PDB file of N, CA and C in Angstrom:
ATOM      1  N   MET A   1       0.812  -1.298  -0.099  1.00  0.00           N
ATOM      2  CA  MET A   1      -0.183   0.318  -0.121  1.00  0.00           C
ATOM      3  C   MET A   1       0.518   0.817   0.066  1.00  0.00           C
ATOM      4  N   LYS A   2       2.277   1.112   0.485  1.00  0.00           N
ATOM      5  CA  LYS A   2       2.951   2.242   0.568  1.00  0.00           C
ATOM      6  C   LYS A   2       3.244   2.824  -0.845  1.00  0.00           C
ATOM      7  N   LYS A   3       3.886   1.609  -1.411  1.00  0.00           N
ATOM      8  CA  LYS A   3       3.946   2.148  -3.078  1.00  0.00           C
ATOM      9  C   LYS A   3       2.622   2.781  -3.230  1.00  0.00           C
ATOM     10  N   LEU A   4       1.660   2.232  -3.349  1.00  0.00           N
ATOM     11  CA  LEU A   4       0.742   2.712  -4.018  1.00  0.00           C
ATOM     12  C   LEU A   4       0.055   4.258  -3.511  1.00  0.00           C
ATOM     13  N   LEU A   5       0.566   4.247  -2.213  1.00  0.00           N
ATOM     14  CA  LEU A   5       0.300   5.767  -1.936  1.00  0.00           C
ATOM     15  C   LEU A   5       1.574   6.671  -1.989  1.00  0.00           C
ATOM     16  N   LEU A   6       2.515   6.327  -2.735  1.00  0.00           N
ATOM     17  CA  LEU A   6       3.890   6.831  -3.079  1.00  0.00           C
ATOM     18  C   LEU A   6       3.362   7.175  -4.932  1.00  0.00           C
ATOM     19  N   ALA A   7       2.946   6.649  -5.639  1.00  0.00           N
ATOM     20  CA  ALA A   7       2.356   6.914  -6.822  1.00  0.00           C
ATOM     21  C   ALA A   7       1.403   7.376  -7.070  1.00  0.00           C
ATOM     22  N   PHE A   8       0.461   7.799  -5.918  1.00  0.00           N
ATOM     23  CA  PHE A   8      -0.334   8.885  -5.932  1.00  0.00           C
ATOM     24  C   PHE A   8      -0.045  10.045  -5.450  1.00  0.00           C
ATOM     25  N   ALA A   9       1.675  10.124  -4.253  1.00  0.00           N
ATOM     26  CA  ALA A   9       1.690  11.599  -4.007  1.00  0.00           C
ATOM     27  C   ALA A   9       2.464  11.844  -5.184  1.00  0.00           C
ATOM     28  N   LEU A  10       3.278  11.466  -6.002  1.00  0.00           N
ATOM     29  CA  LEU A  10       3.993  11.833  -6.940  1.00  0.00           C
ATOM     30  C   LEU A  10       2.989  12.560  -7.922  1.00  0.00           C
ATOM     31  N   CYS A  11       1.798  12.511  -8.511  1.00  0.00           N
ATOM     32  CA  CYS A  11       1.044  12.724  -9.213  1.00  0.00           C
ATOM     33  C   CYS A  11       0.762  13.798  -8.571  1.00  0.00           C
ATOM     34  N   ALA A  12       0.724  14.120  -7.128  1.00  0.00           N
ATOM     35  CA  ALA A  12       0.382  15.589  -6.357  1.00  0.00           C
ATOM     36  C   ALA A  12       1.813  16.341  -6.998  1.00  0.00           C
ATOM     37  N   LEU A  13       2.697  16.147  -6.837  1.00  0.00           N
ATOM     38  CA  LEU A  13       3.857  16.565  -6.504  1.00  0.00           C
ATOM     39  C   LEU A  13       4.322  17.151  -8.327  1.00  0.00           C
ATOM     40  N   LEU A  14       3.832  16.178  -9.256  1.00  0.00           N
ATOM     41  CA  LEU A  14       4.166  16.455 -10.529  1.00  0.00           C
ATOM     42  C   LEU A  14       3.136  17.915 -11.206  1.00  0.00           C
ATOM     43  N   GLY A  15       1.870  17.500 -10.599  1.00  0.00           N
ATOM     44  CA  GLY A  15       1.417  19.133 -10.986  1.00  0.00           C
ATOM     45  C   GLY A  15       0.917  18.792 -12.429  1.00  0.00           C
ATOM     46  N   ALA A  16       0.723  17.464 -12.532  1.00  0.00           N
ATOM     47  CA  ALA A  16       0.265  17.415 -14.513  1.00  0.00           C
ATOM     48  C   ALA A  16      -1.154  17.370 -14.640  1.00  0.00           C
ATOM     49  N   PRO A  17      -1.466  17.810 -15.523  1.00  0.00           N
ATOM     50  CA  PRO A  17      -3.010  18.619 -15.955  1.00  0.00           C
ATOM     51  C   PRO A  17      -3.842  16.837 -15.614  1.00  0.00           C
ATOM     52  N   GLN A  18      -5.102  17.421 -15.269  1.00  0.00           N
ATOM     53  CA  GLN A  18      -5.904  16.125 -14.673  1.00  0.00           C
ATOM     54  C   GLN A  18      -6.565  15.708 -15.884  1.00  0.00           C
ATOM     55  N   MET A  19      -6.765  14.373 -16.306  1.00  0.00           N
ATOM     56  CA  MET A  19      -7.274  13.551 -17.552  1.00  0.00           C
ATOM     57  C   MET A  19      -8.589  13.498 -17.129  1.00  0.00           C
ATOM     58  N   SER A  20      -9.302  13.473 -17.715  1.00  0.00           N
ATOM     59  CA  SER A  20     -11.208  12.587 -17.387  1.00  0.00           C
ATOM     60  C   SER A  20     -10.741  11.146 -17.452  1.00  0.00           C
ATOM     61  N   VAL A  21     -10.859  10.553 -16.264  1.00  0.00           N
ATOM     62  CA  VAL A  21     -11.354   9.093 -16.597  1.00  0.00           C
ATOM     63  C   VAL A  21     -12.844   8.615 -16.761  1.00  0.00           C
ATOM     64  N   ALA A  22     -13.480   9.902 -16.718  1.00  0.00           N
ATOM     65  CA  ALA A  22     -15.148   9.739 -16.789  1.00  0.00           C
ATOM     66  C   ALA A  22     -15.439   9.772 -18.041  1.00  0.00           C
ATOM     67  N   ALA A  23     -14.648  10.078 -19.059  1.00  0.00           N
ATOM     68  CA  ALA A  23     -14.771   9.880 -20.514  1.00  0.00           C
ATOM     69  C   ALA A  23     -15.941   9.029 -20.903  1.00  0.00           C
ATOM     70  N   ASP A  24     -16.532   9.434 -21.737  1.00  0.00           N
ATOM     71  CA  ASP A  24     -17.732   8.163 -22.419  1.00  0.00           C
ATOM     72  C   ASP A  24     -16.546   6.486 -22.937  1.00  0.00           C
ATOM     73  N   GLU A  25     -14.950   7.045 -23.168  1.00  0.00           N
ATOM     74  CA  GLU A  25     -14.518   5.703 -23.661  1.00  0.00           C
ATOM     75  C   GLU A  25     -12.869   6.769 -23.635  1.00  0.00           C
ATOM     76  N   THR A  26     -12.222   5.598 -23.070  1.00  0.00           N
ATOM     77  CA  THR A  26     -10.273   6.158 -23.084  1.00  0.00           C
ATOM     78  C   THR A  26      -9.914   4.977 -23.719  1.00  0.00           C
ATOM     79  N   ASP A  27      -9.233   5.548 -24.718  1.00  0.00           N
ATOM     80  CA  ASP A  27      -8.121   4.160 -25.388  1.00  0.00           C
ATOM     81  C   ASP A  27      -6.753   4.287 -24.385  1.00  0.00           C
ATOM     82  N   MET A  28      -6.987   2.983 -23.612  1.00  0.00           N
ATOM     83  CA  MET A  28      -5.702   2.802 -22.852  1.00  0.00           C
ATOM     84  C   MET A  28      -4.355   2.974 -23.731  1.00  0.00           C
ATOM     85  N   GLY A  29      -4.441   2.686 -24.961  1.00  0.00           N
ATOM     86  CA  GLY A  29      -3.219   2.586 -25.417  1.00  0.00           C
ATOM     87  C   GLY A  29      -2.998   3.564 -25.796  1.00  0.00           C
ATOM     88  N   LYS A  30      -3.497   4.947 -25.614  1.00  0.00           N
ATOM     89  CA  LYS A  30      -2.884   6.085 -25.861  1.00  0.00           C
ATOM     90  C   LYS A  30      -2.515   6.663 -24.760  1.00  0.00           C
ATOM     91  N   ILE A  31      -2.511   6.148 -23.587  1.00  0.00           N
ATOM     92  CA  ILE A  31      -2.836   7.557 -22.445  1.00  0.00           C
ATOM     93  C   ILE A  31      -1.528   7.815 -21.650  1.00  0.00           C
ATOM     94  N   THR A  32      -0.633   8.480 -22.016  1.00  0.00           N
ATOM     95  CA  THR A  32       0.936   8.463 -21.218  1.00  0.00           C
ATOM     96  C   THR A  32       1.149   8.611 -20.313  1.00  0.00           C
ATOM     97  N   CYS A  33       2.262   8.388 -19.724  1.00  0.00           N
ATOM     98  CA  CYS A  33       2.332   7.742 -18.118  1.00  0.00           C
ATOM     99  C   CYS A  33       2.172   9.522 -17.866  1.00  0.00           C
ATOM    100  N   LYS A  34       2.532  10.469 -18.278  1.00  0.00           N
ATOM    101  CA  LYS A  34       2.355  11.786 -17.586  1.00  0.00           C
ATOM    102  C   LYS A  34       0.478  12.036 -17.066  1.00  0.00           C
ATOM    103  N   GLU A  35      -0.396  11.468 -18.259  1.00  0.00           N
ATOM    104  CA  GLU A  35      -1.337  11.566 -18.247  1.00  0.00           C
ATOM    105  C   GLU A  35      -1.982  10.552 -16.819  1.00  0.00           C
ATOM    106  N   PHE A  36      -1.291   9.405 -17.234  1.00  0.00           N
ATOM    107  CA  PHE A  36      -1.587   8.583 -16.138  1.00  0.00           C
ATOM    108  C   PHE A  36      -0.992   9.556 -14.838  1.00  0.00           C
ATOM    109  N   LEU A  37       0.085   9.653 -14.447  1.00  0.00           N
ATOM    110  CA  LEU A  37       0.036  10.708 -12.949  1.00  0.00           C
ATOM    111  C   LEU A  37      -0.595  11.694 -12.907  1.00  0.00           C
ATOM    112  N   GLY A  38      -0.950  12.110 -13.908  1.00  0.00           N
ATOM    113  CA  GLY A  38      -1.725  13.489 -13.782  1.00  0.00           C
ATOM    114  C   GLY A  38      -3.568  13.039 -13.332  1.00  0.00           C
ATOM    115  N   SER A  39      -3.577  12.021 -13.551  1.00  0.00           N
ATOM    116  CA  SER A  39      -5.351  11.683 -13.266  1.00  0.00           C
ATOM    117  C   SER A  39      -5.990  11.335 -12.032  1.00  0.00           C
ATOM    118  N   GLY A  40      -4.972  11.824 -10.930  1.00  0.00           N
ATOM    119  CA  GLY A  40      -5.732  12.223  -9.844  1.00  0.00           C
ATOM    120  C   GLY A  40      -6.282  10.281  -9.190  1.00  0.00           C
ATOM    121  N   GLU A  41      -6.305  10.689  -7.825  1.00  0.00           N
ATOM    122  CA  GLU A  41      -6.302   9.613  -6.967  1.00  0.00           C
ATOM    123  C   GLU A  41      -7.331   8.100  -7.471  1.00  0.00           C
ATOM    124  N   GLN A  42      -8.789   8.736  -7.769  1.00  0.00           N
ATOM    125  CA  GLN A  42      -9.496   8.008  -8.499  1.00  0.00           C
ATOM    126  C   GLN A  42      -9.291   7.568 -10.018  1.00  0.00           C
ATOM    127  N   GLY A  43      -8.807   8.571 -10.677  1.00  0.00           N
ATOM    128  CA  GLY A  43      -8.185   8.082 -11.908  1.00  0.00           C
ATOM    129  C   GLY A  43      -7.080   6.689 -12.362  1.00  0.00           C
ATOM    130  N   ILE A  44      -6.092   7.243 -11.071  1.00  0.00           N
ATOM    131  CA  ILE A  44      -4.890   6.175 -11.003  1.00  0.00           C
ATOM    132  C   ILE A  44      -5.563   4.774 -10.649  1.00  0.00           C
ATOM    133  N   SER A  45      -6.373   5.130  -9.240  1.00  0.00           N
ATOM    134  CA  SER A  45      -7.017   3.613  -9.157  1.00  0.00           C
ATOM    135  C   SER A  45      -7.638   3.098  -9.972  1.00  0.00           C
ATOM    136  N   THR A  46      -8.978   3.446 -10.834  1.00  0.00           N
ATOM    137  CA  THR A  46      -9.420   3.014 -11.685  1.00  0.00           C
ATOM    138  C   THR A  46      -8.516   2.380 -12.768  1.00  0.00           C
ATOM    139  N   MET A  47      -7.284   2.979 -13.583  1.00  0.00           N
ATOM    140  CA  MET A  47      -6.678   2.647 -14.725  1.00  0.00           C
ATOM    141  C   MET A  47      -5.849   1.373 -14.038  1.00  0.00           C
ATOM    142  N   LEU A  48      -5.617   1.402 -12.408  1.00  0.00           N
ATOM    143  CA  LEU A  48      -4.418   0.231 -12.163  1.00  0.00           C
ATOM    144  C   LEU A  48      -5.289  -0.821 -11.967  1.00  0.00           C
ATOM    145  N   VAL A  49      -6.559  -0.837 -11.840  1.00  0.00           N
ATOM    146  CA  VAL A  49      -7.872  -2.236 -11.654  1.00  0.00           C
ATOM    147  C   VAL A  49      -7.710  -2.509 -13.296  1.00  0.00           C
ATOM    148  N   TRP A  50      -7.820  -1.766 -14.115  1.00  0.00           N
ATOM    149  CA  TRP A  50      -8.062  -2.038 -15.525  1.00  0.00           C
ATOM    150  C   TRP A  50      -6.407  -2.793 -15.908  1.00  0.00           C
ATOM    151  N   ILE A  51      -5.698  -2.115 -15.194  1.00  0.00           N
ATOM    152  CA  ILE A  51      -4.440  -2.640 -16.045  1.00  0.00           C
ATOM    153  C   ILE A  51      -4.076  -4.188 -14.860  1.00  0.00           C
ATOM    154  N   ASP A  52      -4.661  -4.180 -13.929  1.00  0.00           N
ATOM    155  CA  ASP A  52      -4.212  -5.373 -13.061  1.00  0.00           C
ATOM    156  C   ASP A  52      -5.518  -6.520 -14.343  1.00  0.00           C
ATOM    157  N   GLY A  53      -6.438  -6.368 -14.832  1.00  0.00           N
ATOM    158  CA  GLY A  53      -7.557  -6.840 -15.452  1.00  0.00           C
ATOM    159  C   GLY A  53      -6.834  -7.254 -16.589  1.00  0.00           C
ATOM    160  N   TYR A  54      -6.185  -6.410 -17.358  1.00  0.00           N
ATOM    161  CA  TYR A  54      -5.408  -6.315 -18.633  1.00  0.00           C
ATOM    162  C   TYR A  54      -4.580  -7.461 -18.335  1.00  0.00           C
ATOM    163  N   MET A  55      -3.141  -7.648 -17.887  1.00  0.00           N
ATOM    164  CA  MET A  55      -2.587  -8.525 -17.441  1.00  0.00           C
ATOM    165  C   MET A  55      -2.845  -9.701 -16.700  1.00  0.00           C
ATOM    166  N   SER A  56      -4.073  -9.785 -15.995  1.00  0.00           N
ATOM    167  CA  SER A  56      -4.446 -11.215 -15.635  1.00  0.00           C
ATOM    168  C   SER A  56      -5.080 -11.801 -17.152  1.00  0.00           C
ATOM    169  N   ALA A  57      -5.589 -11.466 -17.929  1.00  0.00           N
ATOM    170  CA  ALA A  57      -6.298 -12.193 -18.845  1.00  0.00           C
ATOM    171  C   ALA A  57      -5.221 -12.583 -19.997  1.00  0.00           C
ATOM    172  N   LYS A  58      -4.091 -11.712 -19.991  1.00  0.00           N
ATOM    173  CA  LYS A  58      -2.764 -11.662 -20.739  1.00  0.00           C
ATOM    174  C   LYS A  58      -1.990 -13.367 -19.996  1.00  0.00           C
ATOM    175  N   SER A  59      -2.270 -13.409 -18.994  1.00  0.00           N
ATOM    176  CA  SER A  59      -1.654 -14.382 -17.801  1.00  0.00           C
ATOM    177  C   SER A  59      -2.583 -15.488 -17.341  1.00  0.00           C
ATOM    178  N   ASP A  60      -3.908 -15.289 -17.626  1.00  0.00           N
ATOM    179  CA  ASP A  60      -4.647 -16.329 -17.597  1.00  0.00           C
ATOM    180  C   ASP A  60      -4.962 -16.456 -15.762  1.00  0.00           C
ATOM    181  N   ASN A  61      -4.322 -15.496 -15.027  1.00  0.00           N
ATOM    182  CA  ASN A  61      -4.603 -15.265 -13.830  1.00  0.00           C
ATOM    183  C   ASN A  61      -5.703 -14.659 -13.027  1.00  0.00           C
ATOM    184  N   THR A  62      -6.598 -15.642 -12.348  1.00  0.00           N
ATOM    185  CA  THR A  62      -7.826 -14.623 -11.873  1.00  0.00           C
ATOM    186  C   THR A  62      -7.634 -14.222 -10.363  1.00  0.00           C
ATOM    187  N   VAL A  63      -6.469 -14.298  -9.747  1.00  0.00           N
ATOM    188  CA  VAL A  63      -6.305 -14.065  -8.355  1.00  0.00           C
ATOM    189  C   VAL A  63      -5.764 -12.406  -8.696  1.00  0.00           C
ATOM    190  N   MET A  64      -6.468 -11.633  -7.412  1.00  0.00           N
ATOM    191  CA  MET A  64      -6.053 -10.186  -7.356  1.00  0.00           C
ATOM    192  C   MET A  64      -5.611 -10.012  -5.588  1.00  0.00           C
ATOM    193  N   SER A  65      -4.292  -9.833  -5.643  1.00  0.00           N
ATOM    194  CA  SER A  65      -3.761 -10.140  -4.525  1.00  0.00           C
ATOM    195  C   SER A  65      -3.596  -8.043  -3.743  1.00  0.00           C
ATOM    196  N   LYS A  66      -3.382  -7.832  -2.538  1.00  0.00           N
ATOM    197  CA  LYS A  66      -2.680  -6.468  -2.009  1.00  0.00           C
ATOM    198  C   LYS A  66      -1.517  -6.472  -2.370  1.00  0.00           C
ATOM    199  N   ALA A  67      -0.546  -7.247  -2.513  1.00  0.00           N
ATOM    200  CA  ALA A  67       0.622  -7.655  -2.236  1.00  0.00           C
ATOM    201  C   ALA A  67       0.867  -7.306  -4.097  1.00  0.00           C
ATOM    202  N   TRP A  68       0.153  -7.814  -5.171  1.00  0.00           N
ATOM    203  CA  TRP A  68       0.147  -7.535  -6.395  1.00  0.00           C
ATOM    204  C   TRP A  68      -0.360  -5.931  -6.398  1.00  0.00           C
ATOM    205  N   MET A  69      -1.245  -5.591  -6.131  1.00  0.00           N
ATOM    206  CA  MET A  69      -1.322  -4.344  -6.125  1.00  0.00           C
ATOM    207  C   MET A  69      -0.493  -3.246  -6.122  1.00  0.00           C
ATOM    208  N   GLU A  70      -0.008  -3.562  -4.658  1.00  0.00           N
ATOM    209  CA  GLU A  70       1.125  -2.492  -4.542  1.00  0.00           C
ATOM    210  C   GLU A  70       2.360  -2.627  -5.554  1.00  0.00           C
ATOM    211  N   LYS A  71       3.128  -3.765  -5.791  1.00  0.00           N
ATOM    212  CA  LYS A  71       3.600  -3.769  -6.245  1.00  0.00           C
ATOM    213  C   LYS A  71       3.517  -3.283  -8.066  1.00  0.00           C
ATOM    214  N   LEU A  72       2.081  -3.454  -8.530  1.00  0.00           N
ATOM    215  CA  LEU A  72       1.941  -3.223  -9.392  1.00  0.00           C
ATOM    216  C   LEU A  72       2.009  -1.289  -9.628  1.00  0.00           C
ATOM    217  N   GLY A  73       0.922  -0.973  -8.663  1.00  0.00           N
ATOM    218  CA  GLY A  73       1.484   1.037  -8.133  1.00  0.00           C
ATOM    219  C   GLY A  73       2.675   1.200  -7.961  1.00  0.00           C
ATOM    220  N   GLY A  74       3.256   0.421  -7.415  1.00  0.00           N
ATOM    221  CA  GLY A  74       4.551   1.209  -7.540  1.00  0.00           C
ATOM    222  C   GLY A  74       5.726   1.124  -8.604  1.00  0.00           C
ATOM    223  N   HIS A  75       5.586   0.262  -9.492  1.00  0.00           N
ATOM    224  CA  HIS A  75       6.028  -0.251 -11.012  1.00  0.00           C
ATOM    225  C   HIS A  75       5.206   0.993 -11.350  1.00  0.00           C
ATOM    226  N   MET A  76       4.496   1.371 -11.790  1.00  0.00           N
ATOM    227  CA  MET A  76       3.442   2.414 -12.256  1.00  0.00           C
ATOM    228  C   MET A  76       4.118   3.706 -12.289  1.00  0.00           C
ATOM    229  N   GLY A  77       4.030   3.668 -10.854  1.00  0.00           N
ATOM    230  CA  GLY A  77       4.600   5.302 -10.268  1.00  0.00           C
ATOM    231  C   GLY A  77       5.470   5.388 -10.733  1.00  0.00           C
ATOM    232  N   SER A  78       6.587   4.772 -10.535  1.00  0.00           N
ATOM    233  CA  SER A  78       8.321   4.598 -10.434  1.00  0.00           C
ATOM    234  C   SER A  78       8.526   4.819 -12.287  1.00  0.00           C
ATOM    235  N   TYR A  79       7.689   3.845 -12.801  1.00  0.00           N
ATOM    236  CA  TYR A  79       8.174   3.525 -14.295  1.00  0.00           C
ATOM    237  C   TYR A  79       8.091   4.965 -15.056  1.00  0.00           C
ATOM    238  N   CYS A  80       6.601   5.734 -14.600  1.00  0.00           N
ATOM    239  CA  CYS A  80       5.782   6.757 -14.994  1.00  0.00           C
ATOM    240  C   CYS A  80       6.982   8.152 -14.975  1.00  0.00           C
ATOM    241  N   ALA A  81       7.108   7.891 -13.675  1.00  0.00           N
ATOM    242  CA  ALA A  81       7.329   9.379 -12.956  1.00  0.00           C
ATOM    243  C   ALA A  81       8.824   9.380 -13.886  1.00  0.00           C
ATOM    244  N   LYS A  82       9.857   8.124 -14.313  1.00  0.00           N
ATOM    245  CA  LYS A  82      10.873   8.488 -15.346  1.00  0.00           C
ATOM    246  C   LYS A  82      10.352   8.570 -16.466  1.00  0.00           C
ATOM    247  N   ASN A  83       9.812   8.179 -16.855  1.00  0.00           N
ATOM    248  CA  ASN A  83       9.337   8.297 -18.559  1.00  0.00           C
ATOM    249  C   ASN A  83       7.826   8.661 -19.008  1.00  0.00           C
ATOM    250  N   PRO A  84       7.760   9.869 -18.501  1.00  0.00           N
ATOM    251  CA  PRO A  84       6.495  10.429 -18.703  1.00  0.00           C
ATOM    252  C   PRO A  84       5.859  10.576 -20.126  1.00  0.00           C
ATOM    253  N   SER A  85       6.764  10.765 -20.925  1.00  0.00           N
ATOM    254  CA  SER A  85       6.431  10.513 -22.708  1.00  0.00           C
ATOM    255  C   SER A  85       5.659   9.426 -23.070  1.00  0.00           C
ATOM    256  N   ASN A  86       6.040   7.845 -22.329  1.00  0.00           N
ATOM    257  CA  ASN A  86       6.105   6.507 -22.715  1.00  0.00           C
ATOM    258  C   ASN A  86       4.667   6.486 -22.104  1.00  0.00           C
ATOM    259  N   THR A  87       3.737   5.686 -23.182  1.00  0.00           N
ATOM    260  CA  THR A  87       2.406   5.258 -22.537  1.00  0.00           C
ATOM    261  C   THR A  87       2.341   4.279 -21.425  1.00  0.00           C
ATOM    262  N   VAL A  88       1.226   4.120 -20.933  1.00  0.00           N
ATOM    263  CA  VAL A  88       1.084   3.455 -19.927  1.00  0.00           C
ATOM    264  C   VAL A  88       1.233   2.012 -20.727  1.00  0.00           C
ATOM    265  N   MET A  89       0.800   1.634 -21.942  1.00  0.00           N
ATOM    266  CA  MET A  89       1.037   0.151 -22.292  1.00  0.00           C
ATOM    267  C   MET A  89       2.282   0.220 -22.315  1.00  0.00           C
ATOM    268  N   GLN A  90       3.445   0.793 -22.819  1.00  0.00           N
ATOM    269  CA  GLN A  90       4.847   0.671 -22.752  1.00  0.00           C
ATOM    270  C   GLN A  90       5.237   0.362 -21.049  1.00  0.00           C
ATOM    271  N   ALA A  91       4.672   0.797 -20.120  1.00  0.00           N
ATOM    272  CA  ALA A  91       4.952   1.052 -18.898  1.00  0.00           C
ATOM    273  C   ALA A  91       4.479  -0.539 -18.191  1.00  0.00           C
ATOM    274  N   ILE A  92       3.399  -1.128 -18.453  1.00  0.00           N
ATOM    275  CA  ILE A  92       2.931  -2.365 -18.529  1.00  0.00           C
ATOM    276  C   ILE A  92       4.054  -3.472 -18.892  1.00  0.00           C
ATOM    277  N   GLU A  93       4.299  -3.064 -20.241  1.00  0.00           N
ATOM    278  CA  GLU A  93       5.048  -4.110 -20.814  1.00  0.00           C
ATOM    279  C   GLU A  93       6.881  -4.527 -20.184  1.00  0.00           C
ATOM    280  N   ALA A  94       6.936  -3.546 -19.299  1.00  0.00           N
ATOM    281  CA  ALA A  94       8.032  -3.208 -19.085  1.00  0.00           C
ATOM    282  C   ALA A  94       8.121  -3.874 -17.274  1.00  0.00           C
ATOM    283  N   MET A  95       6.807  -4.250 -16.920  1.00  0.00           N
ATOM    284  CA  MET A  95       6.492  -4.468 -15.425  1.00  0.00           C
ATOM    285  C   MET A  95       7.457  -5.769 -15.222  1.00  0.00           C
ATOM    286  N   PRO A  96       8.332  -5.781 -14.302  1.00  0.00           N
ATOM    287  CA  PRO A  96       8.951  -6.973 -14.151  1.00  0.00           C
ATOM    288  C   PRO A  96       8.334  -8.462 -13.620  1.00  0.00           C
ATOM    289  N   GLU A  97       8.391  -9.422 -13.722  1.00  0.00           N
ATOM    290  CA  GLU A  97       7.734 -10.664 -13.687  1.00  0.00           C
ATOM    291  C   GLU A  97       7.581 -10.629 -11.940  1.00  0.00           C
TER     292      GLU A  97
END
């Protein structure tokens, strides 16, 4: 949970413009890391759940754990802070096993 909170803190510090996650449609393949980090706590949470589902479908893993979500949140926050122009999909692909 601490890593997930770190990702949220990074969002506040970066002060990136807010992205509307409540839009009718969001193409996750086009969202940049900067937009991800600037989407606010609710936006990041929503996208992390989507990312978990996306990765679970690829790996056929139906288990969602607190430890995994912390690892995922930490990775996304760290990767996106270092690579703001990369896409969320690139961040997902860079996720260590």
